[in-house]
Amino acid sequence: MSITDKDVLTMPIISLNRVSLFPTTPEERIGHALFLQCLTHFTQVLGQSGLGLSYDSCNAAVAINHNAMYAPVNIGNLNFSVSFGSSRLYQGMDPDFNAFHGHLSSTRPFSNSLAEEHAEQSAILTAERIANANGPFFTYNNNNHIYIDLTPCNNCEPWLEARNENWYVHYFAELNNQAPLKKLKKDDRKKTFGRIQEPRKSYRYTPY
């Protein structure tokens, strides 16, 4: 879904597009690379008990100017690094996020976007604190790029619109239809680590 020229004048989400699995344009290639980086990064911990990162967690990846401390991406003349965010980072699992965030709590079962704890918010806020003489965000055609597992919610969308940058938002699934994303994450984890790493299913019989 592309936003009209009239909207570009009033909101920095200049485009909201589902990730293309067969990218052709530079914008699509950036979004596809962010999607793959995000999937690979969080596959390492998905499904592990006690971490709080489940297949339901929404994760994000934002393109930043090259930084040796962050995951590199090289696509022809498109060279950037990636900063990650997750709706579960408020639980204290990311040192960069913890260093500046004042709302950490392990007692809340769900993150609060008003406290800037959702995936796109944590990714962008972490990236802003990365020291870089040219600014934190990688831009292409004057637009910043972010991948989010799910479309922005009713709190995150106005949060993005209130920012000063232009954002090209890539997503995998609609917020109200997470099934395709959960299947993708589970399939990728099985492919990466093997079925033996999957939590065992219980078939215990419970009499009526």
C-alpha atoms as a PDB file:
ATOM      1  CA  MET A   1       0.000   0.000   0.000  1.00  0.00           C
ATOM      2  CA  SER A   2       1.612   3.253  -1.108  1.00  0.00           C
ATOM      3  CA  ILE A   3       0.563   6.499   0.502  1.00  0.00           C
ATOM      4  CA  THR A   4      -0.549   9.368  -1.750  1.00  0.00           C
ATOM      5  CA  ASP A   5       1.501  12.487  -2.529  1.00  0.00           C
ATOM      6  CA  LYS A   6      -0.876  14.544  -0.401  1.00  0.00           C
ATOM      7  CA  ASP A   7      -0.141  12.352   2.596  1.00  0.00           C
ATOM      8  CA  VAL A   8       3.617  12.681   2.065  1.00  0.00           C
ATOM      9  CA  LEU A   9       3.313  16.363   2.973  1.00  0.00           C
ATOM     10  CA  THR A  10       1.743  15.598   6.341  1.00  0.00           C
ATOM     11  CA  MET A  11       3.207  12.282   7.509  1.00  0.00           C
ATOM     12  CA  PRO A  12       6.673  10.697   7.481  1.00  0.00           C
ATOM     13  CA  ILE A  13       5.419   7.167   6.713  1.00  0.00           C
ATOM     14  CA  ILE A  14       5.840   7.647   3.001  1.00  0.00           C
ATOM     15  CA  SER A  15       5.195   3.999   2.135  1.00  0.00           C
ATOM     16  CA  LEU A  16       3.828   0.900   3.850  1.00  0.00           C
ATOM     17  CA  ASN A  17       4.605  -2.217   1.842  1.00  0.00           C
ATOM     18  CA  ARG A  18       4.591  -5.949   2.431  1.00  0.00           C
ATOM     19  CA  VAL A  19       8.071  -7.411   2.041  1.00  0.00           C
ATOM     20  CA  SER A  20       8.749  -8.655  -1.456  1.00  0.00           C
ATOM     21  CA  LEU A  21      10.307 -12.115  -1.495  1.00  0.00           C
ATOM     22  CA  PHE A  22      11.527 -11.422  -5.040  1.00  0.00           C
ATOM     23  CA  PRO A  23      12.783  -7.824  -4.818  1.00  0.00           C
ATOM     24  CA  THR A  24      13.534  -5.812  -7.939  1.00  0.00           C
ATOM     25  CA  THR A  25      13.742  -2.145  -6.903  1.00  0.00           C
ATOM     26  CA  PRO A  26      16.374  -0.763  -4.503  1.00  0.00           C
ATOM     27  CA  GLU A  27      13.656  -0.099  -1.915  1.00  0.00           C
ATOM     28  CA  GLU A  28      12.430  -3.678  -2.149  1.00  0.00           C
ATOM     29  CA  ARG A  29      15.977  -5.001  -1.829  1.00  0.00           C
ATOM     30  CA  ILE A  30      16.553  -2.956   1.325  1.00  0.00           C
ATOM     31  CA  GLY A  31      13.295  -4.204   2.830  1.00  0.00           C
ATOM     32  CA  HIS A  32      14.055  -7.814   1.899  1.00  0.00           C
ATOM     33  CA  ALA A  33      17.538  -7.580   3.438  1.00  0.00           C
ATOM     34  CA  LEU A  34      16.140  -6.133   6.676  1.00  0.00           C
ATOM     35  CA  PHE A  35      13.538  -8.896   6.787  1.00  0.00           C
ATOM     36  CA  LEU A  36      16.183 -11.634   6.404  1.00  0.00           C
ATOM     37  CA  GLN A  37      18.462 -10.020   8.997  1.00  0.00           C
ATOM     38  CA  CYS A  38      15.590  -9.763  11.468  1.00  0.00           C
ATOM     39  CA  LEU A  39      14.480 -13.351  10.920  1.00  0.00           C
ATOM     40  CA  THR A  40      18.016 -14.714  11.310  1.00  0.00           C
ATOM     41  CA  HIS A  41      18.764 -12.589  14.365  1.00  0.00           C
ATOM     42  CA  PHE A  42      15.706 -13.596  16.376  1.00  0.00           C
ATOM     43  CA  THR A  43      15.619 -17.230  15.222  1.00  0.00           C
ATOM     44  CA  GLN A  44      18.542 -17.801  17.594  1.00  0.00           C
ATOM     45  CA  VAL A  45      16.305 -17.326  20.641  1.00  0.00           C
ATOM     46  CA  LEU A  46      12.745 -17.996  19.522  1.00  0.00           C
ATOM     47  CA  GLY A  47      11.081 -20.858  21.326  1.00  0.00           C
ATOM     48  CA  GLN A  48      13.577 -20.936  24.188  1.00  0.00           C
ATOM     49  CA  SER A  49      11.782 -21.114  27.516  1.00  0.00           C
ATOM     50  CA  GLY A  50      12.324 -18.330  30.019  1.00  0.00           C
ATOM     51  CA  LEU A  51      13.577 -15.692  27.571  1.00  0.00           C
ATOM     52  CA  GLY A  52      10.214 -14.094  26.885  1.00  0.00           C
ATOM     53  CA  LEU A  53      10.782 -14.025  23.116  1.00  0.00           C
ATOM     54  CA  SER A  54       8.076 -16.186  21.624  1.00  0.00           C
ATOM     55  CA  TYR A  55       6.767 -16.796  18.126  1.00  0.00           C
ATOM     56  CA  ASP A  56       4.139 -14.147  18.930  1.00  0.00           C
ATOM     57  CA  SER A  57       6.730 -11.436  19.580  1.00  0.00           C
ATOM     58  CA  CYS A  58       6.880  -8.607  17.072  1.00  0.00           C
ATOM     59  CA  ASN A  59      10.440  -7.847  15.950  1.00  0.00           C
ATOM     60  CA  ALA A  60      11.961  -5.064  13.863  1.00  0.00           C
ATOM     61  CA  ALA A  61      15.141  -4.112  12.008  1.00  0.00           C
ATOM     62  CA  VAL A  62      16.155  -0.604  10.976  1.00  0.00           C
ATOM     63  CA  ALA A  63      18.830   0.331   8.428  1.00  0.00           C
ATOM     64  CA  ILE A  64      21.595   2.449   9.975  1.00  0.00           C
ATOM     65  CA  ASN A  65      24.802   3.919   8.623  1.00  0.00           C
ATOM     66  CA  HIS A  66      27.647   1.428   8.601  1.00  0.00           C
ATOM     67  CA  ASN A  67      28.817   0.565  12.098  1.00  0.00           C
ATOM     68  CA  ALA A  68      31.316  -2.200  12.815  1.00  0.00           C
ATOM     69  CA  MET A  69      29.414  -3.185  15.968  1.00  0.00           C
ATOM     70  CA  TYR A  70      26.211  -4.003  14.096  1.00  0.00           C
ATOM     71  CA  ALA A  71      25.193  -6.547  11.458  1.00  0.00           C
ATOM     72  CA  PRO A  72      26.455  -5.467   7.982  1.00  0.00           C
ATOM     73  CA  VAL A  73      24.445  -5.600   4.744  1.00  0.00           C
ATOM     74  CA  ASN A  74      26.010  -5.152   1.306  1.00  0.00           C
ATOM     75  CA  ILE A  75      23.732  -5.104  -1.739  1.00  0.00           C
ATOM     76  CA  GLY A  76      25.636  -3.645  -4.669  1.00  0.00           C
ATOM     77  CA  ASN A  77      26.082   0.025  -3.795  1.00  0.00           C
ATOM     78  CA  LEU A  78      23.681  -0.248  -0.844  1.00  0.00           C
ATOM     79  CA  ASN A  79      25.859  -0.710   2.221  1.00  0.00           C
ATOM     80  CA  PHE A  80      24.462  -0.323   5.717  1.00  0.00           C
ATOM     81  CA  SER A  81      24.206  -1.930   9.146  1.00  0.00           C
ATOM     82  CA  VAL A  82      21.162  -3.092  11.081  1.00  0.00           C
ATOM     83  CA  SER A  83      19.807  -2.204  14.502  1.00  0.00           C
ATOM     84  CA  PHE A  84      17.193  -4.566  15.947  1.00  0.00           C
ATOM     85  CA  GLY A  85      14.181  -4.066  18.165  1.00  0.00           C
ATOM     86  CA  SER A  86      11.519  -6.251  19.715  1.00  0.00           C
ATOM     87  CA  SER A  87       8.327  -5.858  21.684  1.00  0.00           C
ATOM     88  CA  ARG A  88      10.075  -7.943  24.372  1.00  0.00           C
ATOM     89  CA  LEU A  89      13.269  -5.940  24.810  1.00  0.00           C
ATOM     90  CA  TYR A  90      11.741  -4.132  27.787  1.00  0.00           C
ATOM     91  CA  GLN A  91      12.376  -7.323  29.761  1.00  0.00           C
ATOM     92  CA  GLY A  92      16.054  -6.407  29.911  1.00  0.00           C
ATOM     93  CA  MET A  93      17.637  -8.680  27.307  1.00  0.00           C
ATOM     94  CA  ASP A  94      19.429  -6.070  25.176  1.00  0.00           C
ATOM     95  CA  PRO A  95      22.367  -4.085  26.683  1.00  0.00           C
ATOM     96  CA  ASP A  96      22.137  -1.226  24.143  1.00  0.00           C
ATOM     97  CA  PHE A  97      18.437  -0.820  24.842  1.00  0.00           C
ATOM     98  CA  ASN A  98      18.884  -1.099  28.602  1.00  0.00           C
ATOM     99  CA  ALA A  99      21.538   1.625  28.642  1.00  0.00           C
ATOM    100  CA  PHE A 100      19.067   4.426  27.953  1.00  0.00           C
ATOM    101  CA  HIS A 101      15.589   3.036  28.553  1.00  0.00           C
ATOM    102  CA  GLY A 102      13.927   3.901  31.828  1.00  0.00           C
ATOM    103  CA  HIS A 103      10.896   1.629  31.742  1.00  0.00           C
ATOM    104  CA  LEU A 104      12.457  -1.811  32.162  1.00  0.00           C
ATOM    105  CA  SER A 105      10.250  -4.223  34.062  1.00  0.00           C
ATOM    106  CA  SER A 106      10.032  -7.993  34.039  1.00  0.00           C
ATOM    107  CA  THR A 107       6.617  -7.939  35.702  1.00  0.00           C
ATOM    108  CA  ARG A 108       4.533  -6.664  32.782  1.00  0.00           C
ATOM    109  CA  PRO A 109       3.267  -9.508  30.578  1.00  0.00           C
ATOM    110  CA  PHE A 110       2.923  -7.253  27.531  1.00  0.00           C
ATOM    111  CA  SER A 111       4.894  -4.283  26.284  1.00  0.00           C
ATOM    112  CA  ASN A 112       3.411  -0.802  26.278  1.00  0.00           C
ATOM    113  CA  SER A 113       3.789   1.283  23.129  1.00  0.00           C
ATOM    114  CA  LEU A 114       2.996   4.472  25.050  1.00  0.00           C
ATOM    115  CA  ALA A 115       6.212   3.779  26.975  1.00  0.00           C
ATOM    116  CA  GLU A 116       8.007   3.297  23.631  1.00  0.00           C
ATOM    117  CA  GLU A 117       8.543  -0.428  24.066  1.00  0.00           C
ATOM    118  CA  HIS A 118       7.216  -1.860  20.814  1.00  0.00           C
ATOM    119  CA  ALA A 119       9.458  -3.325  18.112  1.00  0.00           C
ATOM    120  CA  GLU A 120       9.788  -0.352  15.773  1.00  0.00           C
ATOM    121  CA  GLN A 121      10.122   2.046  18.697  1.00  0.00           C
ATOM    122  CA  SER A 122      12.912   0.122  20.420  1.00  0.00           C
ATOM    123  CA  ALA A 123      14.787  -0.355  17.121  1.00  0.00           C
ATOM    124  CA  ILE A 124      14.657   3.339  16.238  1.00  0.00           C
ATOM    125  CA  LEU A 125      15.418   4.609  19.748  1.00  0.00           C
ATOM    126  CA  THR A 126      18.415   2.291  20.028  1.00  0.00           C
ATOM    127  CA  ALA A 127      19.661   3.382  16.593  1.00  0.00           C
ATOM    128  CA  GLU A 128      19.397   7.056  17.569  1.00  0.00           C
ATOM    129  CA  ARG A 129      21.960   6.489  20.296  1.00  0.00           C
ATOM    130  CA  ILE A 130      24.535   4.936  17.990  1.00  0.00           C
ATOM    131  CA  ALA A 131      27.342   7.463  17.560  1.00  0.00           C
ATOM    132  CA  ASN A 132      27.874   8.299  13.896  1.00  0.00           C
ATOM    133  CA  ALA A 133      29.110  11.542  12.361  1.00  0.00           C
ATOM    134  CA  ASN A 134      26.625  11.189   9.495  1.00  0.00           C
ATOM    135  CA  GLY A 135      23.636  10.496  11.713  1.00  0.00           C
ATOM    136  CA  PRO A 136      22.303   7.120  12.760  1.00  0.00           C
ATOM    137  CA  PHE A 137      19.981   6.186   9.907  1.00  0.00           C
ATOM    138  CA  PHE A 138      20.876   4.927   6.455  1.00  0.00           C
ATOM    139  CA  THR A 139      18.863   6.790   3.826  1.00  0.00           C
ATOM    140  CA  TYR A 140      18.031   6.026   0.224  1.00  0.00           C
ATOM    141  CA  ASN A 141      16.339   8.771  -1.806  1.00  0.00           C
ATOM    142  CA  ASN A 142      16.048  10.733   1.458  1.00  0.00           C
ATOM    143  CA  ASN A 143      13.994   7.970   3.082  1.00  0.00           C
ATOM    144  CA  ASN A 144      14.804   5.791   6.098  1.00  0.00           C
ATOM    145  CA  HIS A 145      13.942   2.107   6.002  1.00  0.00           C
ATOM    146  CA  ILE A 146      12.553  -0.148   8.708  1.00  0.00           C
ATOM    147  CA  TYR A 147      11.226  -3.707   8.652  1.00  0.00           C
ATOM    148  CA  ILE A 148       8.554  -4.737  11.174  1.00  0.00           C
ATOM    149  CA  ASP A 149       7.085  -8.221  11.528  1.00  0.00           C
ATOM    150  CA  LEU A 150       3.572  -6.754  11.791  1.00  0.00           C
ATOM    151  CA  THR A 151       1.946  -3.552  10.567  1.00  0.00           C
ATOM    152  CA  PRO A 152       2.160  -0.689  13.096  1.00  0.00           C
ATOM    153  CA  CYS A 153      -0.535  -0.694  15.779  1.00  0.00           C
ATOM    154  CA  ASN A 154      -2.815   2.226  16.641  1.00  0.00           C
ATOM    155  CA  ASN A 155      -0.196   3.653  19.008  1.00  0.00           C
ATOM    156  CA  CYS A 156       2.931   2.986  16.950  1.00  0.00           C
ATOM    157  CA  GLU A 157       1.638   4.441  13.686  1.00  0.00           C
ATOM    158  CA  PRO A 158       1.063   7.956  15.110  1.00  0.00           C
ATOM    159  CA  TRP A 159       4.379   7.637  16.970  1.00  0.00           C
ATOM    160  CA  LEU A 160       6.146   7.111  13.637  1.00  0.00           C
ATOM    161  CA  GLU A 161       4.137   9.899  12.008  1.00  0.00           C
ATOM    162  CA  ALA A 162       5.172  12.321  14.744  1.00  0.00           C
ATOM    163  CA  ARG A 163       8.871  11.822  14.021  1.00  0.00           C
ATOM    164  CA  ASN A 164      10.934  14.146  11.835  1.00  0.00           C
ATOM    165  CA  GLU A 165      12.233  11.509   9.384  1.00  0.00           C
ATOM    166  CA  ASN A 166      10.572   9.990   6.343  1.00  0.00           C
ATOM    167  CA  TRP A 167      10.014   6.271   6.932  1.00  0.00           C
ATOM    168  CA  TYR A 168       9.661   3.568   4.311  1.00  0.00           C
ATOM    169  CA  VAL A 169       8.018   0.793   6.312  1.00  0.00           C
ATOM    170  CA  HIS A 170       8.306  -2.846   5.252  1.00  0.00           C
ATOM    171  CA  TYR A 171       6.250  -5.525   7.003  1.00  0.00           C
ATOM    172  CA  PHE A 172       5.597  -9.252   6.701  1.00  0.00           C
ATOM    173  CA  ALA A 173       2.021  -9.693   7.952  1.00  0.00           C
ATOM    174  CA  GLU A 174      -1.023  -7.690   8.948  1.00  0.00           C
ATOM    175  CA  LEU A 175      -1.391  -7.003  12.662  1.00  0.00           C
ATOM    176  CA  ASN A 176      -4.706  -8.867  12.795  1.00  0.00           C
ATOM    177  CA  ASN A 177      -3.409 -11.911  10.901  1.00  0.00           C
ATOM    178  CA  GLN A 178      -0.225 -13.211  12.528  1.00  0.00           C
ATOM    179  CA  ALA A 179      -0.605 -16.849  11.470  1.00  0.00           C
ATOM    180  CA  PRO A 180       1.654 -16.636   8.352  1.00  0.00           C
ATOM    181  CA  LEU A 181       4.402 -14.977  10.409  1.00  0.00           C
ATOM    182  CA  LYS A 182       4.273 -17.545  13.219  1.00  0.00           C
ATOM    183  CA  LYS A 183       4.492 -20.374  10.680  1.00  0.00           C
ATOM    184  CA  LEU A 184       7.480 -18.713   8.999  1.00  0.00           C
ATOM    185  CA  LYS A 185       9.315 -18.327  12.312  1.00  0.00           C
ATOM    186  CA  LYS A 186       8.680 -21.922  13.350  1.00  0.00           C
ATOM    187  CA  ASP A 187       9.723 -23.273   9.952  1.00  0.00           C
ATOM    188  CA  ASP A 188      12.907 -21.189   9.989  1.00  0.00           C
ATOM    189  CA  ARG A 189      13.825 -22.383  13.484  1.00  0.00           C
ATOM    190  CA  LYS A 190      13.309 -26.030  12.496  1.00  0.00           C
ATOM    191  CA  LYS A 191      15.381 -25.489   9.366  1.00  0.00           C
ATOM    192  CA  THR A 192      18.178 -23.812  11.374  1.00  0.00           C
ATOM    193  CA  PHE A 193      18.344 -26.034  14.451  1.00  0.00           C
ATOM    194  CA  GLY A 194      16.398 -29.153  13.568  1.00  0.00           C
ATOM    195  CA  ARG A 195      13.140 -30.509  14.914  1.00  0.00           C
ATOM    196  CA  ILE A 196      14.821 -31.784  18.060  1.00  0.00           C
ATOM    197  CA  GLN A 197      15.163 -28.199  19.272  1.00  0.00           C
ATOM    198  CA  GLU A 198      11.427 -27.605  19.122  1.00  0.00           C
ATOM    199  CA  PRO A 199       9.579 -27.742  22.474  1.00  0.00           C
ATOM    200  CA  ARG A 200       7.975 -31.139  22.961  1.00  0.00           C
ATOM    201  CA  LYS A 201       4.242 -31.310  22.481  1.00  0.00           C
ATOM    202  CA  SER A 202       2.079 -32.831  25.175  1.00  0.00           C
ATOM    203  CA  TYR A 203      -0.582 -35.351  24.252  1.00  0.00           C
ATOM    204  CA  ARG A 204      -1.662 -36.079  27.809  1.00  0.00           C
ATOM    205  CA  TYR A 205      -5.187 -37.467  28.019  1.00  0.00           C
ATOM    206  CA  THR A 206      -7.462 -35.627  30.430  1.00  0.00           C
ATOM    207  CA  PRO A 207     -10.631 -37.575  31.336  1.00  0.00           C
ATOM    208  CA  TYR A 208     -13.900 -35.700  31.517  1.00  0.00           C
END
